[in-house]
Amino acid sequence: MRPAPGGARIPAIAAGGGSGVAMSRRRTTGLLGAVLALGFLVQGCGRVTAWRIAGEWERESTPKRTLILRSDGSYLERFSGKGLGFVSEILGPETGRWSVEGRNLVLASSRGEGGEIVRRLPIDGLTRDSLRLAGEHWDRVR
């Protein structure tokens, strides 16, 4: 406290002219900037994962399947190999669009009259040559 004219004492904080408010605004602005940056990073991680996951994958376990994730966002999944490969030849492959949402591969395919089937497969692991989707191991073909 310091003396004021007339003998009254004024608290130091009031005499400072509100420097605490300016400090609080700076802290809030910094926190807001950090939250926004984190949001952009999370979105960017999904894009990086999508870029890394695009390509042709094959699952060796029975029934053998091939999954092609194209960079334009479309996909094709079919049975392959000697066992059930003929099923995809008769019925045709499953096609649709794909995306990465968080740690999930989302496959959406059209069914009949405006219906859509959406599958969300957790991405359990991803390396250059292998992918683990919902507990299943896939190998990169290309």
C-alpha atoms as a PDB file:
ATOM      1  CA  MET A   1       0.000   0.000   0.000  1.00  0.00           C
ATOM      2  CA  ARG A   2       1.093   3.493  -0.683  1.00  0.00           C
ATOM      3  CA  PRO A   3      -0.136   6.806   0.687  1.00  0.00           C
ATOM      4  CA  ALA A   4      -2.569   8.810  -1.421  1.00  0.00           C
ATOM      5  CA  PRO A   5      -3.181  12.532  -1.286  1.00  0.00           C
ATOM      6  CA  GLY A   6      -5.204  13.285   1.832  1.00  0.00           C
ATOM      7  CA  GLY A   7      -3.670  10.443   3.854  1.00  0.00           C
ATOM      8  CA  ALA A   8      -5.752   7.524   2.445  1.00  0.00           C
ATOM      9  CA  ARG A   9      -3.908   4.326   1.538  1.00  0.00           C
ATOM     10  CA  ILE A  10      -4.389   2.833  -1.940  1.00  0.00           C
ATOM     11  CA  PRO A  11      -3.719  -0.879  -2.575  1.00  0.00           C
ATOM     12  CA  ALA A  12      -0.795  -1.430  -4.981  1.00  0.00           C
ATOM     13  CA  ILE A  13      -2.864  -3.542  -7.374  1.00  0.00           C
ATOM     14  CA  ALA A  14      -5.344  -0.732  -7.945  1.00  0.00           C
ATOM     15  CA  ALA A  15      -2.501   1.699  -8.521  1.00  0.00           C
ATOM     16  CA  GLY A  16      -1.030  -0.614 -11.209  1.00  0.00           C
ATOM     17  CA  GLY A  17      -3.925   0.127 -13.554  1.00  0.00           C
ATOM     18  CA  GLY A  18      -5.116  -3.479 -14.156  1.00  0.00           C
ATOM     19  CA  SER A  19      -1.919  -5.215 -15.236  1.00  0.00           C
ATOM     20  CA  GLY A  20      -3.474  -8.447 -13.958  1.00  0.00           C
ATOM     21  CA  VAL A  21      -6.205  -8.197 -16.620  1.00  0.00           C
ATOM     22  CA  ALA A  22      -3.642  -7.812 -19.414  1.00  0.00           C
ATOM     23  CA  MET A  23      -1.716 -10.839 -18.128  1.00  0.00           C
ATOM     24  CA  SER A  24      -4.939 -12.865 -18.023  1.00  0.00           C
ATOM     25  CA  ARG A  25      -5.789 -11.910 -21.635  1.00  0.00           C
ATOM     26  CA  ARG A  26      -2.333 -12.948 -22.832  1.00  0.00           C
ATOM     27  CA  ARG A  27      -2.636 -16.273 -21.048  1.00  0.00           C
ATOM     28  CA  THR A  28      -6.124 -16.876 -22.518  1.00  0.00           C
ATOM     29  CA  THR A  29      -4.937 -15.970 -26.022  1.00  0.00           C
ATOM     30  CA  GLY A  30      -1.968 -18.316 -25.692  1.00  0.00           C
ATOM     31  CA  LEU A  31      -4.199 -21.150 -24.463  1.00  0.00           C
ATOM     32  CA  LEU A  32      -6.657 -20.601 -27.310  1.00  0.00           C
ATOM     33  CA  GLY A  33      -3.792 -20.678 -29.836  1.00  0.00           C
ATOM     34  CA  ALA A  34      -2.507 -23.948 -28.376  1.00  0.00           C
ATOM     35  CA  VAL A  35      -5.963 -25.568 -28.567  1.00  0.00           C
ATOM     36  CA  LEU A  36      -6.402 -24.491 -32.207  1.00  0.00           C
ATOM     37  CA  ALA A  37      -2.943 -25.774 -33.133  1.00  0.00           C
ATOM     38  CA  LEU A  38      -3.713 -29.124 -31.492  1.00  0.00           C
ATOM     39  CA  GLY A  39      -6.945 -29.349 -33.487  1.00  0.00           C
ATOM     40  CA  PHE A  40      -5.077 -28.830 -36.756  1.00  0.00           C
ATOM     41  CA  LEU A  41      -2.469 -31.403 -35.769  1.00  0.00           C
ATOM     42  CA  VAL A  42      -5.124 -34.034 -35.039  1.00  0.00           C
ATOM     43  CA  GLN A  43      -6.741 -33.436 -38.431  1.00  0.00           C
ATOM     44  CA  GLY A  44      -3.337 -33.594 -40.085  1.00  0.00           C
ATOM     45  CA  CYS A  45      -2.571 -36.937 -38.430  1.00  0.00           C
ATOM     46  CA  GLY A  46      -5.658 -38.439 -40.089  1.00  0.00           C
ATOM     47  CA  ARG A  47      -4.491 -37.161 -43.458  1.00  0.00           C
ATOM     48  CA  VAL A  48      -1.018 -38.592 -42.952  1.00  0.00           C
ATOM     49  CA  THR A  49      -2.495 -41.951 -41.937  1.00  0.00           C
ATOM     50  CA  ALA A  50      -4.762 -41.906 -45.013  1.00  0.00           C
ATOM     51  CA  TRP A  51      -1.775 -41.153 -47.240  1.00  0.00           C
ATOM     52  CA  ARG A  52       0.211 -43.992 -45.647  1.00  0.00           C
ATOM     53  CA  ILE A  53      -2.638 -46.518 -45.759  1.00  0.00           C
ATOM     54  CA  ALA A  54      -3.564 -45.982 -49.433  1.00  0.00           C
ATOM     55  CA  GLY A  55      -2.521 -48.876 -51.675  1.00  0.00           C
ATOM     56  CA  GLU A  56      -3.222 -52.534 -52.289  1.00  0.00           C
ATOM     57  CA  TRP A  57      -3.403 -54.916 -49.315  1.00  0.00           C
ATOM     58  CA  GLU A  58      -3.856 -58.671 -49.129  1.00  0.00           C
ATOM     59  CA  ARG A  59      -4.986 -60.891 -46.284  1.00  0.00           C
ATOM     60  CA  GLU A  60      -3.496 -64.362 -46.385  1.00  0.00           C
ATOM     61  CA  SER A  61      -5.819 -66.119 -43.933  1.00  0.00           C
ATOM     62  CA  THR A  62      -8.833 -67.970 -45.292  1.00  0.00           C
ATOM     63  CA  PRO A  63     -10.750 -66.649 -47.083  1.00  0.00           C
ATOM     64  CA  LYS A  64      -7.991 -64.736 -48.836  1.00  0.00           C
ATOM     65  CA  ARG A  65      -9.049 -61.139 -49.576  1.00  0.00           C
ATOM     66  CA  THR A  66      -7.650 -58.160 -51.443  1.00  0.00           C
ATOM     67  CA  LEU A  67      -8.375 -54.573 -50.374  1.00  0.00           C
ATOM     68  CA  ILE A  68      -7.469 -51.711 -52.712  1.00  0.00           C
ATOM     69  CA  LEU A  69      -7.602 -48.243 -51.156  1.00  0.00           C
ATOM     70  CA  ARG A  70      -7.215 -45.693 -53.940  1.00  0.00           C
ATOM     71  CA  SER A  71      -5.874 -42.185 -53.366  1.00  0.00           C
ATOM     72  CA  ASP A  72      -9.087 -40.701 -54.827  1.00  0.00           C
ATOM     73  CA  GLY A  73     -11.039 -42.061 -51.823  1.00  0.00           C
ATOM     74  CA  SER A  74     -12.588 -45.084 -53.553  1.00  0.00           C
ATOM     75  CA  TYR A  75     -11.987 -48.691 -52.542  1.00  0.00           C
ATOM     76  CA  LEU A  76     -12.476 -52.200 -53.840  1.00  0.00           C
ATOM     77  CA  GLU A  77     -12.554 -55.349 -51.707  1.00  0.00           C
ATOM     78  CA  ARG A  78     -12.766 -58.810 -53.187  1.00  0.00           C
ATOM     79  CA  PHE A  79     -12.150 -62.420 -52.363  1.00  0.00           C
ATOM     80  CA  SER A  80      -9.042 -63.674 -54.076  1.00  0.00           C
ATOM     81  CA  GLY A  81      -7.102 -66.868 -54.416  1.00  0.00           C
ATOM     82  CA  LYS A  82      -8.179 -70.396 -55.292  1.00  0.00           C
ATOM     83  CA  GLY A  83     -10.736 -70.905 -52.522  1.00  0.00           C
ATOM     84  CA  LEU A  84     -13.420 -68.236 -52.889  1.00  0.00           C
ATOM     85  CA  GLY A  85     -12.025 -66.094 -55.676  1.00  0.00           C
ATOM     86  CA  PHE A  86     -14.836 -67.214 -57.972  1.00  0.00           C
ATOM     87  CA  VAL A  87     -17.405 -65.589 -55.636  1.00  0.00           C
ATOM     88  CA  SER A  88     -16.031 -62.134 -56.447  1.00  0.00           C
ATOM     89  CA  GLU A  89     -16.039 -63.074 -60.126  1.00  0.00           C
ATOM     90  CA  ILE A  90     -19.764 -63.945 -59.959  1.00  0.00           C
ATOM     91  CA  LEU A  91     -21.039 -61.283 -57.546  1.00  0.00           C
ATOM     92  CA  GLY A  92     -18.448 -58.633 -58.272  1.00  0.00           C
ATOM     93  CA  PRO A  93     -16.233 -56.924 -55.731  1.00  0.00           C
ATOM     94  CA  GLU A  94     -17.481 -54.652 -52.965  1.00  0.00           C
ATOM     95  CA  THR A  95     -16.824 -51.032 -53.900  1.00  0.00           C
ATOM     96  CA  GLY A  96     -17.379 -47.690 -52.231  1.00  0.00           C
ATOM     97  CA  ARG A  97     -15.530 -44.842 -50.589  1.00  0.00           C
ATOM     98  CA  TRP A  98     -13.024 -44.903 -47.733  1.00  0.00           C
ATOM     99  CA  SER A  99     -11.598 -42.448 -45.226  1.00  0.00           C
ATOM    100  CA  VAL A 100      -9.631 -42.365 -42.006  1.00  0.00           C
ATOM    101  CA  GLU A 101     -11.437 -40.961 -38.971  1.00  0.00           C
ATOM    102  CA  GLY A 102      -9.243 -40.868 -35.893  1.00  0.00           C
ATOM    103  CA  ARG A 103      -7.785 -44.365 -35.551  1.00  0.00           C
ATOM    104  CA  ASN A 104     -10.474 -46.023 -37.720  1.00  0.00           C
ATOM    105  CA  LEU A 105     -10.631 -46.980 -41.376  1.00  0.00           C
ATOM    106  CA  VAL A 106     -14.164 -46.188 -42.537  1.00  0.00           C
ATOM    107  CA  LEU A 107     -15.501 -48.140 -45.532  1.00  0.00           C
ATOM    108  CA  ALA A 108     -18.851 -46.983 -46.937  1.00  0.00           C
ATOM    109  CA  SER A 109     -20.571 -48.882 -49.730  1.00  0.00           C
ATOM    110  CA  SER A 110     -23.926 -48.325 -51.437  1.00  0.00           C
ATOM    111  CA  ARG A 111     -26.543 -51.023 -51.227  1.00  0.00           C
ATOM    112  CA  GLY A 112     -29.617 -50.976 -53.411  1.00  0.00           C
ATOM    113  CA  GLU A 113     -32.062 -48.094 -53.181  1.00  0.00           C
ATOM    114  CA  GLY A 114     -30.137 -45.342 -51.446  1.00  0.00           C
ATOM    115  CA  GLY A 115     -28.972 -47.564 -48.595  1.00  0.00           C
ATOM    116  CA  GLU A 116     -25.417 -47.416 -47.376  1.00  0.00           C
ATOM    117  CA  ILE A 117     -23.396 -49.818 -45.271  1.00  0.00           C
ATOM    118  CA  VAL A 118     -20.646 -48.225 -43.199  1.00  0.00           C
ATOM    119  CA  ARG A 119     -17.920 -50.307 -41.556  1.00  0.00           C
ATOM    120  CA  ARG A 120     -15.526 -48.778 -39.021  1.00  0.00           C
ATOM    121  CA  LEU A 121     -12.398 -50.883 -38.645  1.00  0.00           C
ATOM    122  CA  PRO A 122      -9.933 -49.940 -35.887  1.00  0.00           C
ATOM    123  CA  ILE A 123      -6.397 -49.408 -37.194  1.00  0.00           C
ATOM    124  CA  ASP A 124      -4.429 -51.445 -34.655  1.00  0.00           C
ATOM    125  CA  GLY A 125      -1.068 -51.052 -36.399  1.00  0.00           C
ATOM    126  CA  LEU A 126       0.457 -49.631 -39.546  1.00  0.00           C
ATOM    127  CA  THR A 127       3.958 -50.049 -40.921  1.00  0.00           C
ATOM    128  CA  ARG A 128       5.339 -49.662 -44.417  1.00  0.00           C
ATOM    129  CA  ASP A 129       4.541 -53.272 -45.381  1.00  0.00           C
ATOM    130  CA  SER A 130       1.806 -54.384 -42.986  1.00  0.00           C
ATOM    131  CA  LEU A 131      -1.510 -53.233 -41.624  1.00  0.00           C
ATOM    132  CA  ARG A 132      -3.562 -54.505 -38.702  1.00  0.00           C
ATOM    133  CA  LEU A 133      -7.281 -53.776 -39.103  1.00  0.00           C
ATOM    134  CA  ALA A 134      -9.715 -54.929 -36.412  1.00  0.00           C
ATOM    135  CA  GLY A 135      -7.205 -57.580 -35.328  1.00  0.00           C
ATOM    136  CA  GLU A 136      -6.622 -58.926 -38.858  1.00  0.00           C
ATOM    137  CA  HIS A 137      -3.162 -58.812 -40.457  1.00  0.00           C
ATOM    138  CA  TRP A 138      -2.850 -57.454 -44.009  1.00  0.00           C
ATOM    139  CA  ASP A 139       0.299 -57.314 -46.174  1.00  0.00           C
ATOM    140  CA  ARG A 140       0.991 -54.542 -48.675  1.00  0.00           C
ATOM    141  CA  VAL A 141       1.036 -55.777 -52.263  1.00  0.00           C
ATOM    142  CA  ARG A 142       1.760 -52.337 -53.826  1.00  0.00           C
END
